[in-house]
mmCIF file of all heavy atoms, coordinates in Angstrom:
data_MODEL
# 
_entry.id   MODEL 
# 
loop_
_atom_site.group_PDB 
_atom_site.id 
_atom_site.type_symbol 
_atom_site.label_atom_id 
_atom_site.label_alt_id 
_atom_site.label_comp_id 
_atom_site.label_asym_id 
_atom_site.label_entity_id 
_atom_site.label_seq_id 
_atom_site.pdbx_PDB_ins_code 
_atom_site.Cartn_x 
_atom_site.Cartn_y 
_atom_site.Cartn_z 
_atom_site.occupancy 
_atom_site.B_iso_or_equiv 
_atom_site.pdbx_formal_charge 
_atom_site.auth_seq_id 
_atom_site.auth_comp_id 
_atom_site.auth_asym_id 
_atom_site.auth_atom_id 
_atom_site.pdbx_PDB_model_num 
ATOM 1   N N   . TYR A 1 1  ? 7.034  -39.979 152.034 1.00 0.00 ? 1  TYR A N   1 
ATOM 2   C CA  . TYR A 1 1  ? 5.943  -40.610 152.925 1.00 0.00 ? 1  TYR A CA  1 
ATOM 3   C C   . TYR A 1 1  ? 6.519  -41.805 153.691 1.00 0.00 ? 1  TYR A C   1 
ATOM 4   O O   . TYR A 1 1  ? 7.664  -42.287 153.294 1.00 0.00 ? 1  TYR A O   1 
ATOM 5   C CB  . TYR A 1 1  ? 4.797  -41.074 152.177 1.00 0.00 ? 1  TYR A CB  1 
ATOM 6   C CG  . TYR A 1 1  ? 3.835  -39.979 151.691 1.00 0.00 ? 1  TYR A CG  1 
ATOM 7   C CD1 . TYR A 1 1  ? 4.183  -39.222 150.608 1.00 0.00 ? 1  TYR A CD1 1 
ATOM 8   C CD2 . TYR A 1 1  ? 2.584  -39.851 152.386 1.00 0.00 ? 1  TYR A CD2 1 
ATOM 9   C CE1 . TYR A 1 1  ? 3.310  -38.242 150.179 1.00 0.00 ? 1  TYR A CE1 1 
ATOM 10  C CE2 . TYR A 1 1  ? 1.720  -38.811 151.898 1.00 0.00 ? 1  TYR A CE2 1 
ATOM 11  C CZ  . TYR A 1 1  ? 2.018  -38.034 150.765 1.00 0.00 ? 1  TYR A CZ  1 
ATOM 12  O OH  . TYR A 1 1  ? 1.266  -37.060 150.349 1.00 0.00 ? 1  TYR A OH  1 
ATOM 13  N N   . ARG A 1 2  ? 5.884  -42.289 154.715 1.00 0.00 ? 2  ARG A N   1 
ATOM 14  C CA  . ARG A 1 2  ? 6.478  -43.505 155.342 1.00 0.00 ? 2  ARG A CA  1 
ATOM 15  C C   . ARG A 1 2  ? 5.154  -44.334 155.786 1.00 0.00 ? 2  ARG A C   1 
ATOM 16  O O   . ARG A 1 2  ? 4.113  -43.717 156.053 1.00 0.00 ? 2  ARG A O   1 
ATOM 17  C CB  . ARG A 1 2  ? 7.348  -43.124 156.605 1.00 0.00 ? 2  ARG A CB  1 
ATOM 18  C CG  . ARG A 1 2  ? 6.580  -42.529 157.756 1.00 0.00 ? 2  ARG A CG  1 
ATOM 19  C CD  . ARG A 1 2  ? 7.657  -42.251 158.896 1.00 0.00 ? 2  ARG A CD  1 
ATOM 20  N NE  . ARG A 1 2  ? 7.026  -41.870 160.119 1.00 0.00 ? 2  ARG A NE  1 
ATOM 21  C CZ  . ARG A 1 2  ? 7.746  -41.395 161.187 1.00 0.00 ? 2  ARG A CZ  1 
ATOM 22  N NH1 . ARG A 1 2  ? 9.080  -41.386 161.125 1.00 0.00 ? 2  ARG A NH1 1 
ATOM 23  N NH2 . ARG A 1 2  ? 6.993  -41.185 162.272 1.00 0.00 ? 2  ARG A NH2 1 
ATOM 24  N N   . GLN A 1 3  ? 5.485  -45.583 155.924 1.00 0.00 ? 3  GLN A N   1 
ATOM 25  C CA  . GLN A 1 3  ? 4.448  -46.516 156.383 1.00 0.00 ? 3  GLN A CA  1 
ATOM 26  C C   . GLN A 1 3  ? 5.053  -47.554 157.362 1.00 0.00 ? 3  GLN A C   1 
ATOM 27  O O   . GLN A 1 3  ? 5.949  -48.313 156.956 1.00 0.00 ? 3  GLN A O   1 
ATOM 28  C CB  . GLN A 1 3  ? 3.793  -47.236 155.261 1.00 0.00 ? 3  GLN A CB  1 
ATOM 29  C CG  . GLN A 1 3  ? 2.549  -48.019 155.635 1.00 0.00 ? 3  GLN A CG  1 
ATOM 30  C CD  . GLN A 1 3  ? 1.656  -48.396 154.505 1.00 0.00 ? 3  GLN A CD  1 
ATOM 31  O OE1 . GLN A 1 3  ? 2.041  -48.449 153.309 1.00 0.00 ? 3  GLN A OE1 1 
ATOM 32  N NE2 . GLN A 1 3  ? 0.420  -48.709 154.827 1.00 0.00 ? 3  GLN A NE2 1 
ATOM 33  N N   . ALA A 1 4  ? 4.543  -47.557 158.623 1.00 0.00 ? 4  ALA A N   1 
ATOM 34  C CA  . ALA A 1 4  ? 5.170  -48.557 159.471 1.00 0.00 ? 4  ALA A CA  1 
ATOM 35  C C   . ALA A 1 4  ? 4.194  -49.736 159.571 1.00 0.00 ? 4  ALA A C   1 
ATOM 36  O O   . ALA A 1 4  ? 2.926  -49.571 159.183 1.00 0.00 ? 4  ALA A O   1 
ATOM 37  C CB  . ALA A 1 4  ? 5.068  -47.858 160.960 1.00 0.00 ? 4  ALA A CB  1 
ATOM 38  N N   . PRO A 1 5  ? 4.519  -50.858 159.993 1.00 0.00 ? 5  PRO A N   1 
ATOM 39  C CA  . PRO A 1 5  ? 3.776  -52.066 159.954 1.00 0.00 ? 5  PRO A CA  1 
ATOM 40  C C   . PRO A 1 5  ? 2.530  -51.744 160.860 1.00 0.00 ? 5  PRO A C   1 
ATOM 41  O O   . PRO A 1 5  ? 2.481  -51.322 161.895 1.00 0.00 ? 5  PRO A O   1 
ATOM 42  C CB  . PRO A 1 5  ? 4.661  -53.142 160.729 1.00 0.00 ? 5  PRO A CB  1 
ATOM 43  C CG  . PRO A 1 5  ? 6.069  -52.665 160.399 1.00 0.00 ? 5  PRO A CG  1 
ATOM 44  C CD  . PRO A 1 5  ? 5.941  -51.276 160.467 1.00 0.00 ? 5  PRO A CD  1 
ATOM 45  N N   . GLY A 1 6  ? 1.406  -52.126 160.187 1.00 0.00 ? 6  GLY A N   1 
ATOM 46  C CA  . GLY A 1 6  ? 0.097  -51.909 160.807 1.00 0.00 ? 6  GLY A CA  1 
ATOM 47  C C   . GLY A 1 6  ? -0.510 -50.510 160.899 1.00 0.00 ? 6  GLY A C   1 
ATOM 48  O O   . GLY A 1 6  ? -1.551 -50.236 161.501 1.00 0.00 ? 6  GLY A O   1 
ATOM 49  N N   . LYS A 1 7  ? 0.202  -49.548 160.228 1.00 0.00 ? 7  LYS A N   1 
ATOM 50  C CA  . LYS A 1 7  ? -0.246 -48.125 160.313 1.00 0.00 ? 7  LYS A CA  1 
ATOM 51  C C   . LYS A 1 7  ? -0.321 -47.641 158.924 1.00 0.00 ? 7  LYS A C   1 
ATOM 52  O O   . LYS A 1 7  ? 0.093  -48.311 157.926 1.00 0.00 ? 7  LYS A O   1 
ATOM 53  C CB  . LYS A 1 7  ? 0.932  -47.374 161.053 1.00 0.00 ? 7  LYS A CB  1 
ATOM 54  C CG  . LYS A 1 7  ? 1.043  -47.677 162.497 1.00 0.00 ? 7  LYS A CG  1 
ATOM 55  C CD  . LYS A 1 7  ? 1.889  -46.596 163.090 1.00 0.00 ? 7  LYS A CD  1 
ATOM 56  C CE  . LYS A 1 7  ? 2.083  -46.788 164.716 1.00 0.00 ? 7  LYS A CE  1 
ATOM 57  N NZ  . LYS A 1 7  ? 2.957  -45.834 165.354 1.00 0.00 ? 7  LYS A NZ  1 
ATOM 58  N N   . GLU A 1 8  ? -1.169 -46.540 158.861 1.00 0.00 ? 8  GLU A N   1 
ATOM 59  C CA  . GLU A 1 8  ? -1.347 -45.964 157.477 1.00 0.00 ? 8  GLU A CA  1 
ATOM 60  C C   . GLU A 1 8  ? -0.114 -45.200 157.053 1.00 0.00 ? 8  GLU A C   1 
ATOM 61  O O   . GLU A 1 8  ? 0.645  -44.787 157.809 1.00 0.00 ? 8  GLU A O   1 
ATOM 62  C CB  . GLU A 1 8  ? -2.550 -44.998 157.598 1.00 0.00 ? 8  GLU A CB  1 
ATOM 63  C CG  . GLU A 1 8  ? -3.907 -45.670 157.909 1.00 0.00 ? 8  GLU A CG  1 
ATOM 64  C CD  . GLU A 1 8  ? -5.006 -44.807 157.788 1.00 0.00 ? 8  GLU A CD  1 
ATOM 65  O OE1 . GLU A 1 8  ? -4.888 -43.520 157.617 1.00 0.00 ? 8  GLU A OE1 1 
ATOM 66  O OE2 . GLU A 1 8  ? -6.230 -45.295 157.867 1.00 0.00 ? 8  GLU A OE2 1 
ATOM 67  N N   . ARG A 1 9  ? -0.117 -44.992 155.722 1.00 0.00 ? 9  ARG A N   1 
ATOM 68  C CA  . ARG A 1 9  ? 1.076  -44.257 155.228 1.00 0.00 ? 9  ARG A CA  1 
ATOM 69  C C   . ARG A 1 9  ? 0.794  -42.806 155.704 1.00 0.00 ? 9  ARG A C   1 
ATOM 70  O O   . ARG A 1 9  ? -0.278 -42.313 155.566 1.00 0.00 ? 9  ARG A O   1 
ATOM 71  C CB  . ARG A 1 9  ? 1.076  -44.370 153.725 1.00 0.00 ? 9  ARG A CB  1 
ATOM 72  C CG  . ARG A 1 9  ? 2.269  -43.838 152.954 1.00 0.00 ? 9  ARG A CG  1 
ATOM 73  C CD  . ARG A 1 9  ? 2.261  -44.187 151.500 1.00 0.00 ? 9  ARG A CD  1 
ATOM 74  N NE  . ARG A 1 9  ? 2.531  -45.613 151.349 1.00 0.00 ? 9  ARG A NE  1 
ATOM 75  C CZ  . ARG A 1 9  ? 2.682  -46.196 150.176 1.00 0.00 ? 9  ARG A CZ  1 
ATOM 76  N NH1 . ARG A 1 9  ? 2.869  -45.323 149.003 1.00 0.00 ? 9  ARG A NH1 1 
ATOM 77  N NH2 . ARG A 1 9  ? 2.750  -47.517 149.938 1.00 0.00 ? 9  ARG A NH2 1 
ATOM 78  N N   . GLU A 1 10 ? 1.847  -42.158 156.059 1.00 0.00 ? 10 GLU A N   1 
ATOM 79  C CA  . GLU A 1 10 ? 1.891  -40.724 156.339 1.00 0.00 ? 10 GLU A CA  1 
ATOM 80  C C   . GLU A 1 10 ? 2.896  -39.884 155.779 1.00 0.00 ? 10 GLU A C   1 
ATOM 81  O O   . GLU A 1 10 ? 3.959  -40.330 155.471 1.00 0.00 ? 10 GLU A O   1 
ATOM 82  C CB  . GLU A 1 10 ? 1.962  -40.615 157.994 1.00 0.00 ? 10 GLU A CB  1 
ATOM 83  C CG  . GLU A 1 10 ? 3.240  -41.170 158.538 1.00 0.00 ? 10 GLU A CG  1 
ATOM 84  C CD  . GLU A 1 10 ? 3.368  -41.031 159.964 1.00 0.00 ? 10 GLU A CD  1 
ATOM 85  O OE1 . GLU A 1 10 ? 2.416  -40.472 160.712 1.00 0.00 ? 10 GLU A OE1 1 
ATOM 86  O OE2 . GLU A 1 10 ? 4.289  -41.626 160.558 1.00 0.00 ? 10 GLU A OE2 1 
ATOM 87  N N   . LEU A 1 11 ? 2.469  -38.633 155.657 1.00 0.00 ? 11 LEU A N   1 
ATOM 88  C CA  . LEU A 1 11 ? 3.515  -37.559 154.999 1.00 0.00 ? 11 LEU A CA  1 
ATOM 89  C C   . LEU A 1 11 ? 4.588  -37.309 156.040 1.00 0.00 ? 11 LEU A C   1 
ATOM 90  O O   . LEU A 1 11 ? 4.389  -37.126 157.250 1.00 0.00 ? 11 LEU A O   1 
ATOM 91  C CB  . LEU A 1 11 ? 2.723  -36.363 154.610 1.00 0.00 ? 11 LEU A CB  1 
ATOM 92  C CG  . LEU A 1 11 ? 3.586  -35.309 154.095 1.00 0.00 ? 11 LEU A CG  1 
ATOM 93  C CD1 . LEU A 1 11 ? 4.177  -35.658 152.757 1.00 0.00 ? 11 LEU A CD1 1 
ATOM 94  C CD2 . LEU A 1 11 ? 2.827  -33.952 154.087 1.00 0.00 ? 11 LEU A CD2 1 
ATOM 95  N N   . VAL A 1 12 ? 5.878  -37.362 155.480 1.00 0.00 ? 12 VAL A N   1 
ATOM 96  C CA  . VAL A 1 12 ? 7.015  -37.026 156.302 1.00 0.00 ? 12 VAL A CA  1 
ATOM 97  C C   . VAL A 1 12 ? 7.485  -35.436 155.947 1.00 0.00 ? 12 VAL A C   1 
ATOM 98  O O   . VAL A 1 12 ? 7.534  -34.710 156.823 1.00 0.00 ? 12 VAL A O   1 
ATOM 99  C CB  . VAL A 1 12 ? 8.084  -37.942 156.006 1.00 0.00 ? 12 VAL A CB  1 
ATOM 100 C CG1 . VAL A 1 12 ? 9.352  -37.482 156.831 1.00 0.00 ? 12 VAL A CG1 1 
ATOM 101 C CG2 . VAL A 1 12 ? 7.792  -39.393 156.314 1.00 0.00 ? 12 VAL A CG2 1 
ATOM 102 N N   . ALA A 1 13 ? 7.508  -35.323 154.660 1.00 0.00 ? 13 ALA A N   1 
ATOM 103 C CA  . ALA A 1 13 ? 7.890  -33.960 154.271 1.00 0.00 ? 13 ALA A CA  1 
ATOM 104 C C   . ALA A 1 13 ? 7.661  -33.744 152.909 1.00 0.00 ? 13 ALA A C   1 
ATOM 105 O O   . ALA A 1 13 ? 7.584  -34.824 152.023 1.00 0.00 ? 13 ALA A O   1 
ATOM 106 C CB  . ALA A 1 13 ? 9.461  -33.859 154.536 1.00 0.00 ? 13 ALA A CB  1 
ATOM 107 N N   . SER A 1 14 ? 7.517  -32.463 152.419 1.00 0.00 ? 14 SER A N   1 
ATOM 108 C CA  . SER A 1 14 ? 7.233  -32.134 151.005 1.00 0.00 ? 14 SER A CA  1 
ATOM 109 C C   . SER A 1 14 ? 8.082  -30.813 150.800 1.00 0.00 ? 14 SER A C   1 
ATOM 110 O O   . SER A 1 14 ? 8.301  -30.081 151.653 1.00 0.00 ? 14 SER A O   1 
ATOM 111 C CB  . SER A 1 14 ? 5.728  -31.796 150.700 1.00 0.00 ? 14 SER A CB  1 
ATOM 112 O OG  . SER A 1 14 ? 4.907  -33.030 150.755 1.00 0.00 ? 14 SER A OG  1 
ATOM 113 N N   . ILE A 1 15 ? 8.415  -30.724 149.463 1.00 0.00 ? 15 ILE A N   1 
ATOM 114 C CA  . ILE A 1 15 ? 9.117  -29.473 149.004 1.00 0.00 ? 15 ILE A CA  1 
ATOM 115 C C   . ILE A 1 15 ? 8.646  -29.155 147.630 1.00 0.00 ? 15 ILE A C   1 
ATOM 116 O O   . ILE A 1 15 ? 8.572  -30.027 146.713 1.00 0.00 ? 15 ILE A O   1 
ATOM 117 C CB  . ILE A 1 15 ? 10.592 -29.811 148.996 1.00 0.00 ? 15 ILE A CB  1 
ATOM 118 C CG1 . ILE A 1 15 ? 11.341 -28.484 148.565 1.00 0.00 ? 15 ILE A CG1 1 
ATOM 119 C CG2 . ILE A 1 15 ? 11.111 -30.904 148.072 1.00 0.00 ? 15 ILE A CG2 1 
ATOM 120 C CD1 . ILE A 1 15 ? 12.939 -28.577 148.985 1.00 0.00 ? 15 ILE A CD1 1 
ATOM 121 N N   . THR A 1 16 ? 8.337  -27.876 147.488 1.00 0.00 ? 16 THR A N   1 
ATOM 122 C CA  . THR A 1 16 ? 7.786  -27.352 146.279 1.00 0.00 ? 16 THR A CA  1 
ATOM 123 C C   . THR A 1 16 ? 9.011  -27.057 145.240 1.00 0.00 ? 16 THR A C   1 
ATOM 124 O O   . THR A 1 16 ? 10.091 -27.076 145.699 1.00 0.00 ? 16 THR A O   1 
ATOM 125 C CB  . THR A 1 16 ? 6.887  -26.200 146.418 1.00 0.00 ? 16 THR A CB  1 
ATOM 126 O OG1 . THR A 1 16 ? 7.715  -25.201 146.760 1.00 0.00 ? 16 THR A OG1 1 
ATOM 127 C CG2 . THR A 1 16 ? 5.859  -26.385 147.348 1.00 0.00 ? 16 THR A CG2 1 
ATOM 128 N N   . GLY A 1 17 ? 8.561  -26.721 144.045 1.00 0.00 ? 17 GLY A N   1 
ATOM 129 C CA  . GLY A 1 17 ? 9.479  -26.353 143.024 1.00 0.00 ? 17 GLY A CA  1 
ATOM 130 C C   . GLY A 1 17 ? 10.384 -25.073 143.517 1.00 0.00 ? 17 GLY A C   1 
ATOM 131 O O   . GLY A 1 17 ? 11.500 -24.956 143.071 1.00 0.00 ? 17 GLY A O   1 
ATOM 132 N N   . ARG A 1 18 ? 9.642  -24.255 144.357 1.00 0.00 ? 18 ARG A N   1 
ATOM 133 C CA  . ARG A 1 18 ? 10.438 -23.039 144.768 1.00 0.00 ? 18 ARG A CA  1 
ATOM 134 C C   . ARG A 1 18 ? 11.063 -23.219 146.063 1.00 0.00 ? 18 ARG A C   1 
ATOM 135 O O   . ARG A 1 18 ? 11.581 -22.245 146.744 1.00 0.00 ? 18 ARG A O   1 
ATOM 136 C CB  . ARG A 1 18 ? 9.238  -21.964 144.886 1.00 0.00 ? 18 ARG A CB  1 
ATOM 137 C CG  . ARG A 1 18 ? 8.616  -21.482 143.656 1.00 0.00 ? 18 ARG A CG  1 
ATOM 138 C CD  . ARG A 1 18 ? 7.792  -20.266 143.727 1.00 0.00 ? 18 ARG A CD  1 
ATOM 139 N NE  . ARG A 1 18 ? 7.162  -19.823 142.527 1.00 0.00 ? 18 ARG A NE  1 
ATOM 140 C CZ  . ARG A 1 18 ? 6.338  -18.803 142.426 1.00 0.00 ? 18 ARG A CZ  1 
ATOM 141 N NH1 . ARG A 1 18 ? 6.129  -17.965 143.372 1.00 0.00 ? 18 ARG A NH1 1 
ATOM 142 N NH2 . ARG A 1 18 ? 6.083  -18.353 141.120 1.00 0.00 ? 18 ARG A NH2 1 
ATOM 143 N N   . GLY A 1 19 ? 10.989 -24.544 146.538 1.00 0.00 ? 19 GLY A N   1 
ATOM 144 C CA  . GLY A 1 19 ? 11.794 -24.649 147.819 1.00 0.00 ? 19 GLY A CA  1 
ATOM 145 C C   . GLY A 1 19 ? 10.920 -24.460 149.020 1.00 0.00 ? 19 GLY A C   1 
ATOM 146 O O   . GLY A 1 19 ? 11.496 -24.741 150.264 1.00 0.00 ? 19 GLY A O   1 
ATOM 147 N N   . THR A 1 20 ? 9.762  -24.302 149.043 1.00 0.00 ? 20 THR A N   1 
ATOM 148 C CA  . THR A 1 20 ? 8.831  -24.286 150.241 1.00 0.00 ? 20 THR A CA  1 
ATOM 149 C C   . THR A 1 20 ? 8.705  -25.718 150.719 1.00 0.00 ? 20 THR A C   1 
ATOM 150 O O   . THR A 1 20 ? 8.409  -26.676 150.100 1.00 0.00 ? 20 THR A O   1 
ATOM 151 C CB  . THR A 1 20 ? 7.555  -23.667 149.957 1.00 0.00 ? 20 THR A CB  1 
ATOM 152 O OG1 . THR A 1 20 ? 7.684  -22.383 149.437 1.00 0.00 ? 20 THR A OG1 1 
ATOM 153 C CG2 . THR A 1 20 ? 6.666  -23.650 151.253 1.00 0.00 ? 20 THR A CG2 1 
ATOM 154 N N   . THR A 1 21 ? 8.926  -25.822 152.114 1.00 0.00 ? 21 THR A N   1 
ATOM 155 C CA  . THR A 1 21 ? 8.922  -27.055 152.694 1.00 0.00 ? 21 THR A CA  1 
ATOM 156 C C   . THR A 1 21 ? 7.748  -27.237 153.744 1.00 0.00 ? 21 THR A C   1 
ATOM 157 O O   . THR A 1 21 ? 7.409  -26.224 154.376 1.00 0.00 ? 21 THR A O   1 
ATOM 158 C CB  . THR A 1 21 ? 10.247 -27.446 153.381 1.00 0.00 ? 21 THR A CB  1 
ATOM 159 O OG1 . THR A 1 21 ? 10.510 -26.467 154.365 1.00 0.00 ? 21 THR A OG1 1 
ATOM 160 C CG2 . THR A 1 21 ? 11.277 -27.505 152.358 1.00 0.00 ? 21 THR A CG2 1 
ATOM 161 N N   . VAL A 1 22 ? 7.165  -28.444 153.924 1.00 0.00 ? 22 VAL A N   1 
ATOM 162 C CA  . VAL A 1 22 ? 6.225  -28.847 154.921 1.00 0.00 ? 22 VAL A CA  1 
ATOM 163 C C   . VAL A 1 22 ? 6.720  -30.171 155.487 1.00 0.00 ? 22 VAL A C   1 
ATOM 164 O O   . VAL A 1 22 ? 7.142  -30.964 154.874 1.00 0.00 ? 22 VAL A O   1 
ATOM 165 C CB  . VAL A 1 22 ? 4.910  -28.936 154.291 1.00 0.00 ? 22 VAL A CB  1 
ATOM 166 C CG1 . VAL A 1 22 ? 3.841  -29.448 155.267 1.00 0.00 ? 22 VAL A CG1 1 
ATOM 167 C CG2 . VAL A 1 22 ? 4.319  -27.604 153.633 1.00 0.00 ? 22 VAL A CG2 1 
ATOM 168 N N   . TYR A 1 23 ? 6.601  -30.215 156.903 1.00 0.00 ? 23 TYR A N   1 
ATOM 169 C CA  . TYR A 1 23 ? 6.876  -31.452 157.569 1.00 0.00 ? 23 TYR A CA  1 
ATOM 170 C C   . TYR A 1 23 ? 5.765  -31.908 158.406 1.00 0.00 ? 23 TYR A C   1 
ATOM 171 O O   . TYR A 1 23 ? 4.979  -31.110 158.924 1.00 0.00 ? 23 TYR A O   1 
ATOM 172 C CB  . TYR A 1 23 ? 8.123  -31.189 158.509 1.00 0.00 ? 23 TYR A CB  1 
ATOM 173 C CG  . TYR A 1 23 ? 9.380  -30.738 157.724 1.00 0.00 ? 23 TYR A CG  1 
ATOM 174 C CD1 . TYR A 1 23 ? 9.654  -29.462 157.549 1.00 0.00 ? 23 TYR A CD1 1 
ATOM 175 C CD2 . TYR A 1 23 ? 10.275 -31.814 157.198 1.00 0.00 ? 23 TYR A CD2 1 
ATOM 176 C CE1 . TYR A 1 23 ? 10.825 -29.145 156.698 1.00 0.00 ? 23 TYR A CE1 1 
ATOM 177 C CE2 . TYR A 1 23 ? 11.246 -31.439 156.544 1.00 0.00 ? 23 TYR A CE2 1 
ATOM 178 C CZ  . TYR A 1 23 ? 11.698 -30.120 156.249 1.00 0.00 ? 23 TYR A CZ  1 
ATOM 179 O OH  . TYR A 1 23 ? 12.802 -29.855 155.671 1.00 0.00 ? 23 TYR A OH  1 
ATOM 180 N N   . GLY A 1 24 ? 5.823  -33.295 158.600 1.00 0.00 ? 24 GLY A N   1 
ATOM 181 C CA  . GLY A 1 24 ? 4.833  -33.842 159.565 1.00 0.00 ? 24 GLY A CA  1 
ATOM 182 C C   . GLY A 1 24 ? 5.163  -33.372 161.085 1.00 0.00 ? 24 GLY A C   1 
ATOM 183 O O   . GLY A 1 24 ? 6.292  -33.041 161.305 1.00 0.00 ? 24 GLY A O   1 
# 
């Protein structure tokens, strides 16, 4: 995740145990 000044935390990327990925 990432959080910039004055902004909400947002998802950048995820990876499951099987290697499936999701990106912002």
